[in-house]
Structures are given as structure tokens and as C-alpha cells.
PDB file of N, CA and C in Angstrom:
ATOM      1  N   MET A   1      25.721 -27.375   9.378  1.00  0.00           N
ATOM      2  CA  MET A   1      27.095 -27.038   9.662  1.00  0.00           C
ATOM      3  C   MET A   1      27.391 -27.376  11.115  1.00  0.00           C
ATOM      4  N   THR A   2      28.440 -28.107  11.310  1.00  0.00           N
ATOM      5  CA  THR A   2      28.810 -28.532  12.657  1.00  0.00           C
ATOM      6  C   THR A   2      29.613 -27.430  13.349  1.00  0.00           C
ATOM      7  N   PRO A   3      29.715 -27.519  14.662  1.00  0.00           N
ATOM      8  CA  PRO A   3      30.538 -26.532  15.373  1.00  0.00           C
ATOM      9  C   PRO A   3      32.002 -26.549  14.907  1.00  0.00           C
ATOM     10  N   ALA A   4      32.511 -27.711  14.559  1.00  0.00           N
ATOM     11  CA  ALA A   4      33.896 -27.787  14.072  1.00  0.00           C
ATOM     12  C   ALA A   4      34.050 -27.036  12.750  1.00  0.00           C
ATOM     13  N   ASP A   5      33.029 -27.119  11.884  1.00  0.00           N
ATOM     14  CA  ASP A   5      33.070 -26.374  10.627  1.00  0.00           C
ATOM     15  C   ASP A   5      33.038 -24.871  10.879  1.00  0.00           C
ATOM     16  N   SER A   6      32.242 -24.457  11.838  1.00  0.00           N
ATOM     17  CA  SER A   6      32.162 -23.024  12.171  1.00  0.00           C
ATOM     18  C   SER A   6      33.494 -22.507  12.703  1.00  0.00           C
ATOM     19  N   ILE A   7      34.125 -23.275  13.557  1.00  0.00           N
ATOM     20  CA  ILE A   7      35.420 -22.872  14.103  1.00  0.00           C
ATOM     21  C   ILE A   7      36.475 -22.837  13.004  1.00  0.00           C
ATOM     22  N   ASP A   8      36.440 -23.812  12.099  1.00  0.00           N
ATOM     23  CA  ASP A   8      37.388 -23.829  10.984  1.00  0.00           C
ATOM     24  C   ASP A   8      37.177 -22.628  10.070  1.00  0.00           C
ATOM     25  N   PHE A   9      35.925 -22.281   9.812  1.00  0.00           N
ATOM     26  CA  PHE A   9      35.623 -21.107   8.998  1.00  0.00           C
ATOM     27  C   PHE A   9      36.121 -19.824   9.667  1.00  0.00           C
ATOM     28  N   ALA A  10      35.893 -19.691  10.966  1.00  0.00           N
ATOM     29  CA  ALA A  10      36.348 -18.509  11.701  1.00  0.00           C
ATOM     30  C   ALA A  10      37.871 -18.434  11.702  1.00  0.00           C
ATOM     31  N   ARG A  11      38.523 -19.578  11.873  1.00  0.00           N
ATOM     32  CA  ARG A  11      39.983 -19.606  11.884  1.00  0.00           C
ATOM     33  C   ARG A  11      40.544 -19.164  10.537  1.00  0.00           C
ATOM     34  N   SER A  12      39.974 -19.673   9.449  1.00  0.00           N
ATOM     35  CA  SER A  12      40.474 -19.293   8.130  1.00  0.00           C
ATOM     36  C   SER A  12      40.187 -17.818   7.838  1.00  0.00           C
ATOM     37  N   SER A  13      39.068 -17.301   8.316  1.00  0.00           N
ATOM     38  CA  SER A  13      38.757 -15.882   8.125  1.00  0.00           C
ATOM     39  C   SER A  13      39.739 -14.989   8.877  1.00  0.00           C
ATOM     40  N   ILE A  14      40.065 -15.361  10.099  1.00  0.00           N
ATOM     41  CA  ILE A  14      41.024 -14.588  10.880  1.00  0.00           C
ATOM     42  C   ILE A  14      42.410 -14.661  10.253  1.00  0.00           C
ATOM     43  N   TYR A  15      42.783 -15.816   9.724  1.00  0.00           N
ATOM     44  CA  TYR A  15      44.075 -15.972   9.063  1.00  0.00           C
ATOM     45  C   TYR A  15      44.168 -15.056   7.838  1.00  0.00           C
ATOM     46  N   VAL A  16      43.111 -14.994   7.049  1.00  0.00           N
ATOM     47  CA  VAL A  16      43.103 -14.112   5.880  1.00  0.00           C
ATOM     48  C   VAL A  16      43.165 -12.655   6.317  1.00  0.00           C
ATOM     49  N   LEU A  17      42.451 -12.304   7.370  1.00  0.00           N
ATOM     50  CA  LEU A  17      42.504 -10.942   7.899  1.00  0.00           C
ATOM     51  C   LEU A  17      43.927 -10.567   8.306  1.00  0.00           C
ATOM     52  N   LEU A  18      44.615 -11.470   8.989  1.00  0.00           N
ATOM     53  CA  LEU A  18      45.989 -11.203   9.401  1.00  0.00           C
ATOM     54  C   LEU A  18      46.923 -11.087   8.197  1.00  0.00           C
ATOM     55  N   GLU A  19      46.694 -11.903   7.171  1.00  0.00           N
ATOM     56  CA  GLU A  19      47.509 -11.818   5.953  1.00  0.00           C
ATOM     57  C   GLU A  19      47.330 -10.461   5.274  1.00  0.00           C
ATOM     58  N   ILE A  20      46.112  -9.972   5.270  1.00  0.00           N
ATOM     59  CA  ILE A  20      45.822  -8.720   4.570  1.00  0.00           C
ATOM     60  C   ILE A  20      46.363  -7.511   5.341  1.00  0.00           C
ATOM     61  N   ILE A  21      46.251  -7.500   6.650  1.00  0.00           N
ATOM     62  CA  ILE A  21      46.581  -6.314   7.430  1.00  0.00           C
ATOM     63  C   ILE A  21      48.044  -6.247   7.852  1.00  0.00           C
ATOM     64  N   THR A  22      48.775  -7.354   7.763  1.00  0.00           N
ATOM     65  CA  THR A  22      50.171  -7.382   8.215  1.00  0.00           C
ATOM     66  C   THR A  22      51.068  -6.356   7.522  1.00  0.00           C
ATOM     67  N   PRO A  23      51.028  -6.204   6.184  1.00  0.00           N
ATOM     68  CA  PRO A  23      51.919  -5.208   5.578  1.00  0.00           C
ATOM     69  C   PRO A  23      51.671  -3.779   6.081  1.00  0.00           C
ATOM     70  N   ALA A  24      50.423  -3.409   6.253  1.00  0.00           N
ATOM     71  CA  ALA A  24      50.115  -2.059   6.733  1.00  0.00           C
ATOM     72  C   ALA A  24      50.561  -1.871   8.180  1.00  0.00           C
ATOM     73  N   MET A  25      50.356  -2.875   9.008  1.00  0.00           N
ATOM     74  CA  MET A  25      50.749  -2.752  10.412  1.00  0.00           C
ATOM     75  C   MET A  25      52.269  -2.701  10.559  1.00  0.00           C
ATOM     76  N   LEU A  26      52.988  -3.510   9.792  1.00  0.00           N
ATOM     77  CA  LEU A  26      54.445  -3.464   9.853  1.00  0.00           C
ATOM     78  C   LEU A  26      54.975  -2.129   9.350  1.00  0.00           C
ATOM     79  N   THR A  27      54.342  -1.589   8.317  1.00  0.00           N
ATOM     80  CA  THR A  27      54.739  -0.274   7.813  1.00  0.00           C
ATOM     81  C   THR A  27      54.521   0.794   8.873  1.00  0.00           C
ATOM     82  N   ALA A  28      53.388   0.765   9.541  1.00  0.00           N
ATOM     83  CA  ALA A  28      53.105   1.738  10.600  1.00  0.00           C
ATOM     84  C   ALA A  28      54.127   1.609  11.728  1.00  0.00           C
ATOM     85  N   LEU A  29      54.506   0.378  12.046  1.00  0.00           N
ATOM     86  CA  LEU A  29      55.491   0.166  13.103  1.00  0.00           C
ATOM     87  C   LEU A  29      56.846   0.739  12.716  1.00  0.00           C
ATOM     88  N   VAL A  30      57.305   0.443  11.501  1.00  0.00           N
ATOM     89  CA  VAL A  30      58.622   0.904  11.060  1.00  0.00           C
ATOM     90  C   VAL A  30      58.654   2.428  10.930  1.00  0.00           C
ATOM     91  N   VAL A  31      57.629   3.009  10.321  1.00  0.00           N
ATOM     92  CA  VAL A  31      57.600   4.464  10.159  1.00  0.00           C
ATOM     93  C   VAL A  31      57.479   5.142  11.528  1.00  0.00           C
ATOM     94  N   GLY A  32      56.670   4.595  12.412  1.00  0.00           N
ATOM     95  CA  GLY A  32      56.537   5.164  13.755  1.00  0.00           C
ATOM     96  C   GLY A  32      57.842   5.118  14.527  1.00  0.00           C
ATOM     97  N   LEU A  33      58.561   4.000  14.426  1.00  0.00           N
ATOM     98  CA  LEU A  33      59.854   3.918  15.105  1.00  0.00           C
ATOM     99  C   LEU A  33      60.863   4.887  14.503  1.00  0.00           C
ATOM    100  N   GLY A  34      60.845   5.003  13.179  1.00  0.00           N
ATOM    101  CA  GLY A  34      61.757   5.940  12.521  1.00  0.00           C
ATOM    102  C   GLY A  34      61.486   7.379  12.916  1.00  0.00           C
ATOM    103  N   ILE A  35      60.233   7.760  12.907  1.00  0.00           N
ATOM    104  CA  ILE A  35      59.865   9.127  13.300  1.00  0.00           C
ATOM    105  C   ILE A  35      60.160   9.354  14.783  1.00  0.00           C
ATOM    106  N   GLY A  36      59.898   8.354  15.611  1.00  0.00           N
ATOM    107  CA  GLY A  36      60.200   8.483  17.043  1.00  0.00           C
ATOM    108  C   GLY A  36      61.690   8.655  17.288  1.00  0.00           C
ATOM    109  N   LEU A  37      62.494   7.913  16.539  1.00  0.00           N
ATOM    110  CA  LEU A  37      63.950   8.060  16.667  1.00  0.00           C
ATOM    111  C   LEU A  37      64.387   9.444  16.205  1.00  0.00           C
ATOM    112  N   LEU A  38      63.822   9.904  15.095  1.00  0.00           N
ATOM    113  CA  LEU A  38      64.140  11.248  14.597  1.00  0.00           C
ATOM    114  C   LEU A  38      63.747  12.319  15.614  1.00  0.00           C
ATOM    115  N   GLN A  39      62.581  12.157  16.236  1.00  0.00           N
ATOM    116  CA  GLN A  39      62.149  13.131  17.240  1.00  0.00           C
ATOM    117  C   GLN A  39      63.046  13.095  18.468  1.00  0.00           C
ATOM    118  N   ALA A  40      63.488  11.906  18.841  1.00  0.00           N
ATOM    119  CA  ALA A  40      64.359  11.806  20.014  1.00  0.00           C
ATOM    120  C   ALA A  40      65.731  12.412  19.735  1.00  0.00           C
ATOM    121  N   LEU A  41      66.237  12.228  18.517  1.00  0.00           N
ATOM    122  CA  LEU A  41      67.554  12.764  18.184  1.00  0.00           C
ATOM    123  C   LEU A  41      67.534  14.283  18.023  1.00  0.00           C
ATOM    124  N   THR A  42      66.480  14.826  17.440  1.00  0.00           N
ATOM    125  CA  THR A  42      66.416  16.261  17.192  1.00  0.00           C
ATOM    126  C   THR A  42      65.653  17.023  18.266  1.00  0.00           C
ATOM    127  N   GLN A  43      64.998  16.326  19.152  1.00  0.00           N
ATOM    128  CA  GLN A  43      64.170  16.891  20.216  1.00  0.00           C
ATOM    129  C   GLN A  43      63.053  17.776  19.679  1.00  0.00           C
ATOM    130  N   ILE A  44      62.557  17.417  18.487  1.00  0.00           N
ATOM    131  CA  ILE A  44      61.371  18.074  17.937  1.00  0.00           C
ATOM    132  C   ILE A  44      60.175  17.263  18.414  1.00  0.00           C
ATOM    133  N   GLN A  45      59.336  17.835  19.229  1.00  0.00           N
ATOM    134  CA  GLN A  45      58.212  17.107  19.808  1.00  0.00           C
ATOM    135  C   GLN A  45      56.889  17.558  19.199  1.00  0.00           C
ATOM    136  N   GLU A  46      56.832  17.623  17.895  1.00  0.00           N
ATOM    137  CA  GLU A  46      55.607  18.003  17.195  1.00  0.00           C
ATOM    138  C   GLU A  46      54.728  16.763  17.037  1.00  0.00           C
ATOM    139  N   MET A  47      53.513  16.804  17.537  1.00  0.00           N
ATOM    140  CA  MET A  47      52.630  15.636  17.517  1.00  0.00           C
ATOM    141  C   MET A  47      52.174  15.271  16.103  1.00  0.00           C
ATOM    142  N   THR A  48      51.968  16.272  15.256  1.00  0.00           N
ATOM    143  CA  THR A  48      51.472  15.985  13.904  1.00  0.00           C
ATOM    144  C   THR A  48      52.556  15.425  13.002  1.00  0.00           C
ATOM    145  N   LEU A  49      53.805  15.504  13.410  1.00  0.00           N
ATOM    146  CA  LEU A  49      54.905  14.983  12.610  1.00  0.00           C
ATOM    147  C   LEU A  49      54.812  13.468  12.437  1.00  0.00           C
ATOM    148  N   VAL A  50      54.202  12.790  13.368  1.00  0.00           N
ATOM    149  CA  VAL A  50      54.092  11.336  13.303  1.00  0.00           C
ATOM    150  C   VAL A  50      52.994  10.911  12.328  1.00  0.00           C
ATOM    151  N   PHE A  51      51.895  11.611  12.313  1.00  0.00           N
ATOM    152  CA  PHE A  51      50.712  11.132  11.611  1.00  0.00           C
ATOM    153  C   PHE A  51      50.811  11.212  10.094  1.00  0.00           C
ATOM    154  N   VAL A  52      51.284  12.305   9.548  1.00  0.00           N
ATOM    155  CA  VAL A  52      51.278  12.488   8.092  1.00  0.00           C
ATOM    156  C   VAL A  52      52.174  11.476   7.386  1.00  0.00           C
ATOM    157  N   PRO A  53      53.445  11.284   7.784  1.00  0.00           N
ATOM    158  CA  PRO A  53      54.246  10.267   7.096  1.00  0.00           C
ATOM    159  C   PRO A  53      53.698   8.859   7.268  1.00  0.00           C
ATOM    160  N   LYS A  54      53.143   8.577   8.451  1.00  0.00           N
ATOM    161  CA  LYS A  54      52.605   7.242   8.696  1.00  0.00           C
ATOM    162  C   LYS A  54      51.382   6.981   7.821  1.00  0.00           C
ATOM    163  N   ILE A  55      50.504   7.952   7.692  1.00  0.00           N
ATOM    164  CA  ILE A  55      49.313   7.792   6.852  1.00  0.00           C
ATOM    165  C   ILE A  55      49.701   7.626   5.397  1.00  0.00           C
ATOM    166  N   ILE A  56      50.650   8.420   4.928  1.00  0.00           N
ATOM    167  CA  ILE A  56      51.088   8.305   3.529  1.00  0.00           C
ATOM    168  C   ILE A  56      51.738   6.953   3.275  1.00  0.00           C
ATOM    169  N   ALA A  57      52.598   6.510   4.184  1.00  0.00           N
ATOM    170  CA  ALA A  57      53.272   5.220   4.011  1.00  0.00           C
ATOM    171  C   ALA A  57      52.269   4.066   4.017  1.00  0.00           C
ATOM    172  N   ILE A  58      51.305   4.095   4.914  1.00  0.00           N
ATOM    173  CA  ILE A  58      50.303   3.036   4.974  1.00  0.00           C
ATOM    174  C   ILE A  58      49.457   3.036   3.707  1.00  0.00           C
ATOM    175  N   PHE A  59      49.094   4.205   3.217  1.00  0.00           N
ATOM    176  CA  PHE A  59      48.309   4.303   1.992  1.00  0.00           C
ATOM    177  C   PHE A  59      49.067   3.710   0.810  1.00  0.00           C
ATOM    178  N   VAL A  60      50.353   4.017   0.688  1.00  0.00           N
ATOM    179  CA  VAL A  60      51.157   3.477  -0.414  1.00  0.00           C
ATOM    180  C   VAL A  60      51.269   1.960  -0.311  1.00  0.00           C
ATOM    181  N   VAL A  61      51.501   1.463   0.897  1.00  0.00           N
ATOM    182  CA  VAL A  61      51.619   0.009   1.080  1.00  0.00           C
ATOM    183  C   VAL A  61      50.293  -0.681   0.783  1.00  0.00           C
ATOM    184  N   LEU A  62      49.188  -0.084   1.180  1.00  0.00           N
ATOM    185  CA  LEU A  62      47.890  -0.681   0.877  1.00  0.00           C
ATOM    186  C   LEU A  62      47.628  -0.711  -0.623  1.00  0.00           C
ATOM    187  N   LEU A  63      48.046   0.330  -1.337  1.00  0.00           N
ATOM    188  CA  LEU A  63      47.892   0.326  -2.794  1.00  0.00           C
ATOM    189  C   LEU A  63      48.746  -0.761  -3.441  1.00  0.00           C
ATOM    190  N   ILE A  64      49.957  -0.937  -2.931  1.00  0.00           N
ATOM    191  CA  ILE A  64      50.841  -1.971  -3.479  1.00  0.00           C
ATOM    192  C   ILE A  64      50.309  -3.366  -3.155  1.00  0.00           C
ATOM    193  N   ALA A  65      49.778  -3.555  -1.951  1.00  0.00           N
ATOM    194  CA  ALA A  65      49.311  -4.867  -1.511  1.00  0.00           C
ATOM    195  C   ALA A  65      47.874  -5.166  -1.926  1.00  0.00           C
ATOM    196  N   LEU A  66      47.233  -4.250  -2.635  1.00  0.00           N
ATOM    197  CA  LEU A  66      45.831  -4.444  -3.010  1.00  0.00           C
ATOM    198  C   LEU A  66      45.588  -5.705  -3.848  1.00  0.00           C
ATOM    199  N   PRO A  67      46.410  -6.022  -4.850  1.00  0.00           N
ATOM    200  CA  PRO A  67      46.171  -7.265  -5.598  1.00  0.00           C
ATOM    201  C   PRO A  67      46.292  -8.511  -4.725  1.00  0.00           C
ATOM    202  N   PHE A  68      47.257  -8.519  -3.821  1.00  0.00           N
ATOM    203  CA  PHE A  68      47.416  -9.647  -2.914  1.00  0.00           C
ATOM    204  C   PHE A  68      46.201  -9.788  -1.997  1.00  0.00           C
ATOM    205  N   ALA A  69      45.714  -8.662  -1.476  1.00  0.00           N
ATOM    206  CA  ALA A  69      44.548  -8.697  -0.590  1.00  0.00           C
ATOM    207  C   ALA A  69      43.317  -9.178  -1.341  1.00  0.00           C
ATOM    208  N   GLY A  70      43.153  -8.722  -2.577  1.00  0.00           N
ATOM    209  CA  GLY A  70      42.020  -9.181  -3.380  1.00  0.00           C
ATOM    210  C   GLY A  70      42.081 -10.665  -3.657  1.00  0.00           C
ATOM    211  N   ALA A  71      43.281 -11.171  -3.945  1.00  0.00           N
ATOM    212  CA  ALA A  71      43.437 -12.602  -4.197  1.00  0.00           C
ATOM    213  C   ALA A  71      43.150 -13.420  -2.934  1.00  0.00           C
ATOM    214  N   ALA A  72      43.603 -12.921  -1.787  1.00  0.00           N
ATOM    215  CA  ALA A  72      43.358 -13.631  -0.529  1.00  0.00           C
ATOM    216  C   ALA A  72      41.864 -13.666  -0.205  1.00  0.00           C
ATOM    217  N   MET A  73      41.176 -12.541  -0.398  1.00  0.00           N
ATOM    218  CA  MET A  73      39.737 -12.515  -0.122  1.00  0.00           C
ATOM    219  C   MET A  73      38.963 -13.342  -1.140  1.00  0.00           C
ATOM    220  N   SER A  74      39.416 -13.344  -2.385  1.00  0.00           N
ATOM    221  CA  SER A  74      38.764 -14.161  -3.410  1.00  0.00           C
ATOM    222  C   SER A  74      38.920 -15.642  -3.089  1.00  0.00           C
ATOM    223  N   GLY A  75      40.101 -16.028  -2.643  1.00  0.00           N
ATOM    224  CA  GLY A  75      40.316 -17.423  -2.253  1.00  0.00           C
ATOM    225  C   GLY A  75      39.424 -17.829  -1.089  1.00  0.00           C
ATOM    226  N   LEU A  76      39.273 -16.936  -0.117  1.00  0.00           N
ATOM    227  CA  LEU A  76      38.391 -17.230   1.022  1.00  0.00           C
ATOM    228  C   LEU A  76      36.946 -17.346   0.554  1.00  0.00           C
ATOM    229  N   MET A  77      36.522 -16.458  -0.331  1.00  0.00           N
ATOM    230  CA  MET A  77      35.144 -16.511  -0.828  1.00  0.00           C
ATOM    231  C   MET A  77      34.899 -17.786  -1.630  1.00  0.00           C
ATOM    232  N   ASN A  78      35.873 -18.204  -2.428  1.00  0.00           N
ATOM    233  CA  ASN A  78      35.728 -19.459  -3.162  1.00  0.00           C
ATOM    234  C   ASN A  78      35.604 -20.640  -2.203  1.00  0.00           C
ATOM    235  N   ASP A  79      36.388 -20.617  -1.118  1.00  0.00           N
ATOM    236  CA  ASP A  79      36.303 -21.674  -0.118  1.00  0.00           C
ATOM    237  C   ASP A  79      34.939 -21.685   0.551  1.00  0.00           C
ATOM    238  N   ILE A  80      34.407 -20.502   0.859  1.00  0.00           N
ATOM    239  CA  ILE A  80      33.084 -20.406   1.471  1.00  0.00           C
ATOM    240  C   ILE A  80      32.013 -20.937   0.511  1.00  0.00           C
ATOM    241  N   ALA A  81      32.113 -20.546  -0.760  1.00  0.00           N
ATOM    242  CA  ALA A  81      31.133 -20.997  -1.746  1.00  0.00           C
ATOM    243  C   ALA A  81      31.188 -22.514  -1.916  1.00  0.00           C
ATOM    244  N   GLN A  82      32.379 -23.078  -1.909  1.00  0.00           N
ATOM    245  CA  GLN A  82      32.500 -24.536  -2.020  1.00  0.00           C
ATOM    246  C   GLN A  82      31.915 -25.236  -0.805  1.00  0.00           C
ATOM    247  N   ARG A  83      32.100 -24.670   0.367  1.00  0.00           N
ATOM    248  CA  ARG A  83      31.522 -25.262   1.573  1.00  0.00           C
ATOM    249  C   ARG A  83      29.998 -25.194   1.546  1.00  0.00           C
ATOM    250  N   ILE A  84      29.460 -24.072   1.051  1.00  0.00           N
ATOM    251  CA  ILE A  84      28.002 -23.942   0.965  1.00  0.00           C
ATOM    252  C   ILE A  84      27.460 -24.941  -0.045  1.00  0.00           C
ATOM    253  N   ALA A  85      28.143 -25.069  -1.182  1.00  0.00           N
ATOM    254  CA  ALA A  85      27.685 -25.988  -2.218  1.00  0.00           C
ATOM    255  C   ALA A  85      27.783 -27.443  -1.774  1.00  0.00           C
ATOM    256  N   ALA A  86      28.680 -27.751  -0.862  1.00  0.00           N
ATOM    257  CA  ALA A  86      28.865 -29.130  -0.402  1.00  0.00           C
ATOM    258  C   ALA A  86      27.699 -29.578   0.491  1.00  0.00           C
ATOM    259  N   TYR A  87      26.977 -28.634   1.079  1.00  0.00           N
ATOM    260  CA  TYR A  87      25.862 -29.015   1.987  1.00  0.00           C
ATOM    261  C   TYR A  87      24.589 -29.114   1.245  1.00  0.00           C
TER     262      TYR A  87
END
């Protein structure tokens, strides 16, 4: 395996990682901003108010995105297996 192949493999792995984690991170961002706005408007400064809705929202999004994540990881594994078989 050449250094260019290693870099290409790392790049594709990072791309798949970003594809898988993006829905959860965007959900955390949106829920965090919503809760922060609610806290600023009502002046309720409870620290635990942020965590429970964010955890529930991320869990739901991960359950919804699970088939997509599995397909993305399966595609990466097939690509890895084809590269191994080619050598």
C-alpha cells in the first residue's frame, strides 16, 4: 500500500465519519440554541434543563439515522475489502 492509498483511505474514513455524525451534531446545535433562547427569555438558569432535551433529541435522531449510518459504514467496509482484495 502506497502512502497515497493510505491518505485516500483516511480521507474516505473521515468523510464517512462526518456523514454519520452530522445529523446528531446539528440536532444538538438546534436544541441547544432553542433551550438557550428559552432560558434567556424566561431567565430560568437551570443547568440540567439543557441536557435532558438535548440527550433525548440526539437519541431520537440517532435512531432515525441508524439505517443511513449502517449503509455508509457498510459501503466503506466494502471499499476496504475491495482494496485488500486488489493487492
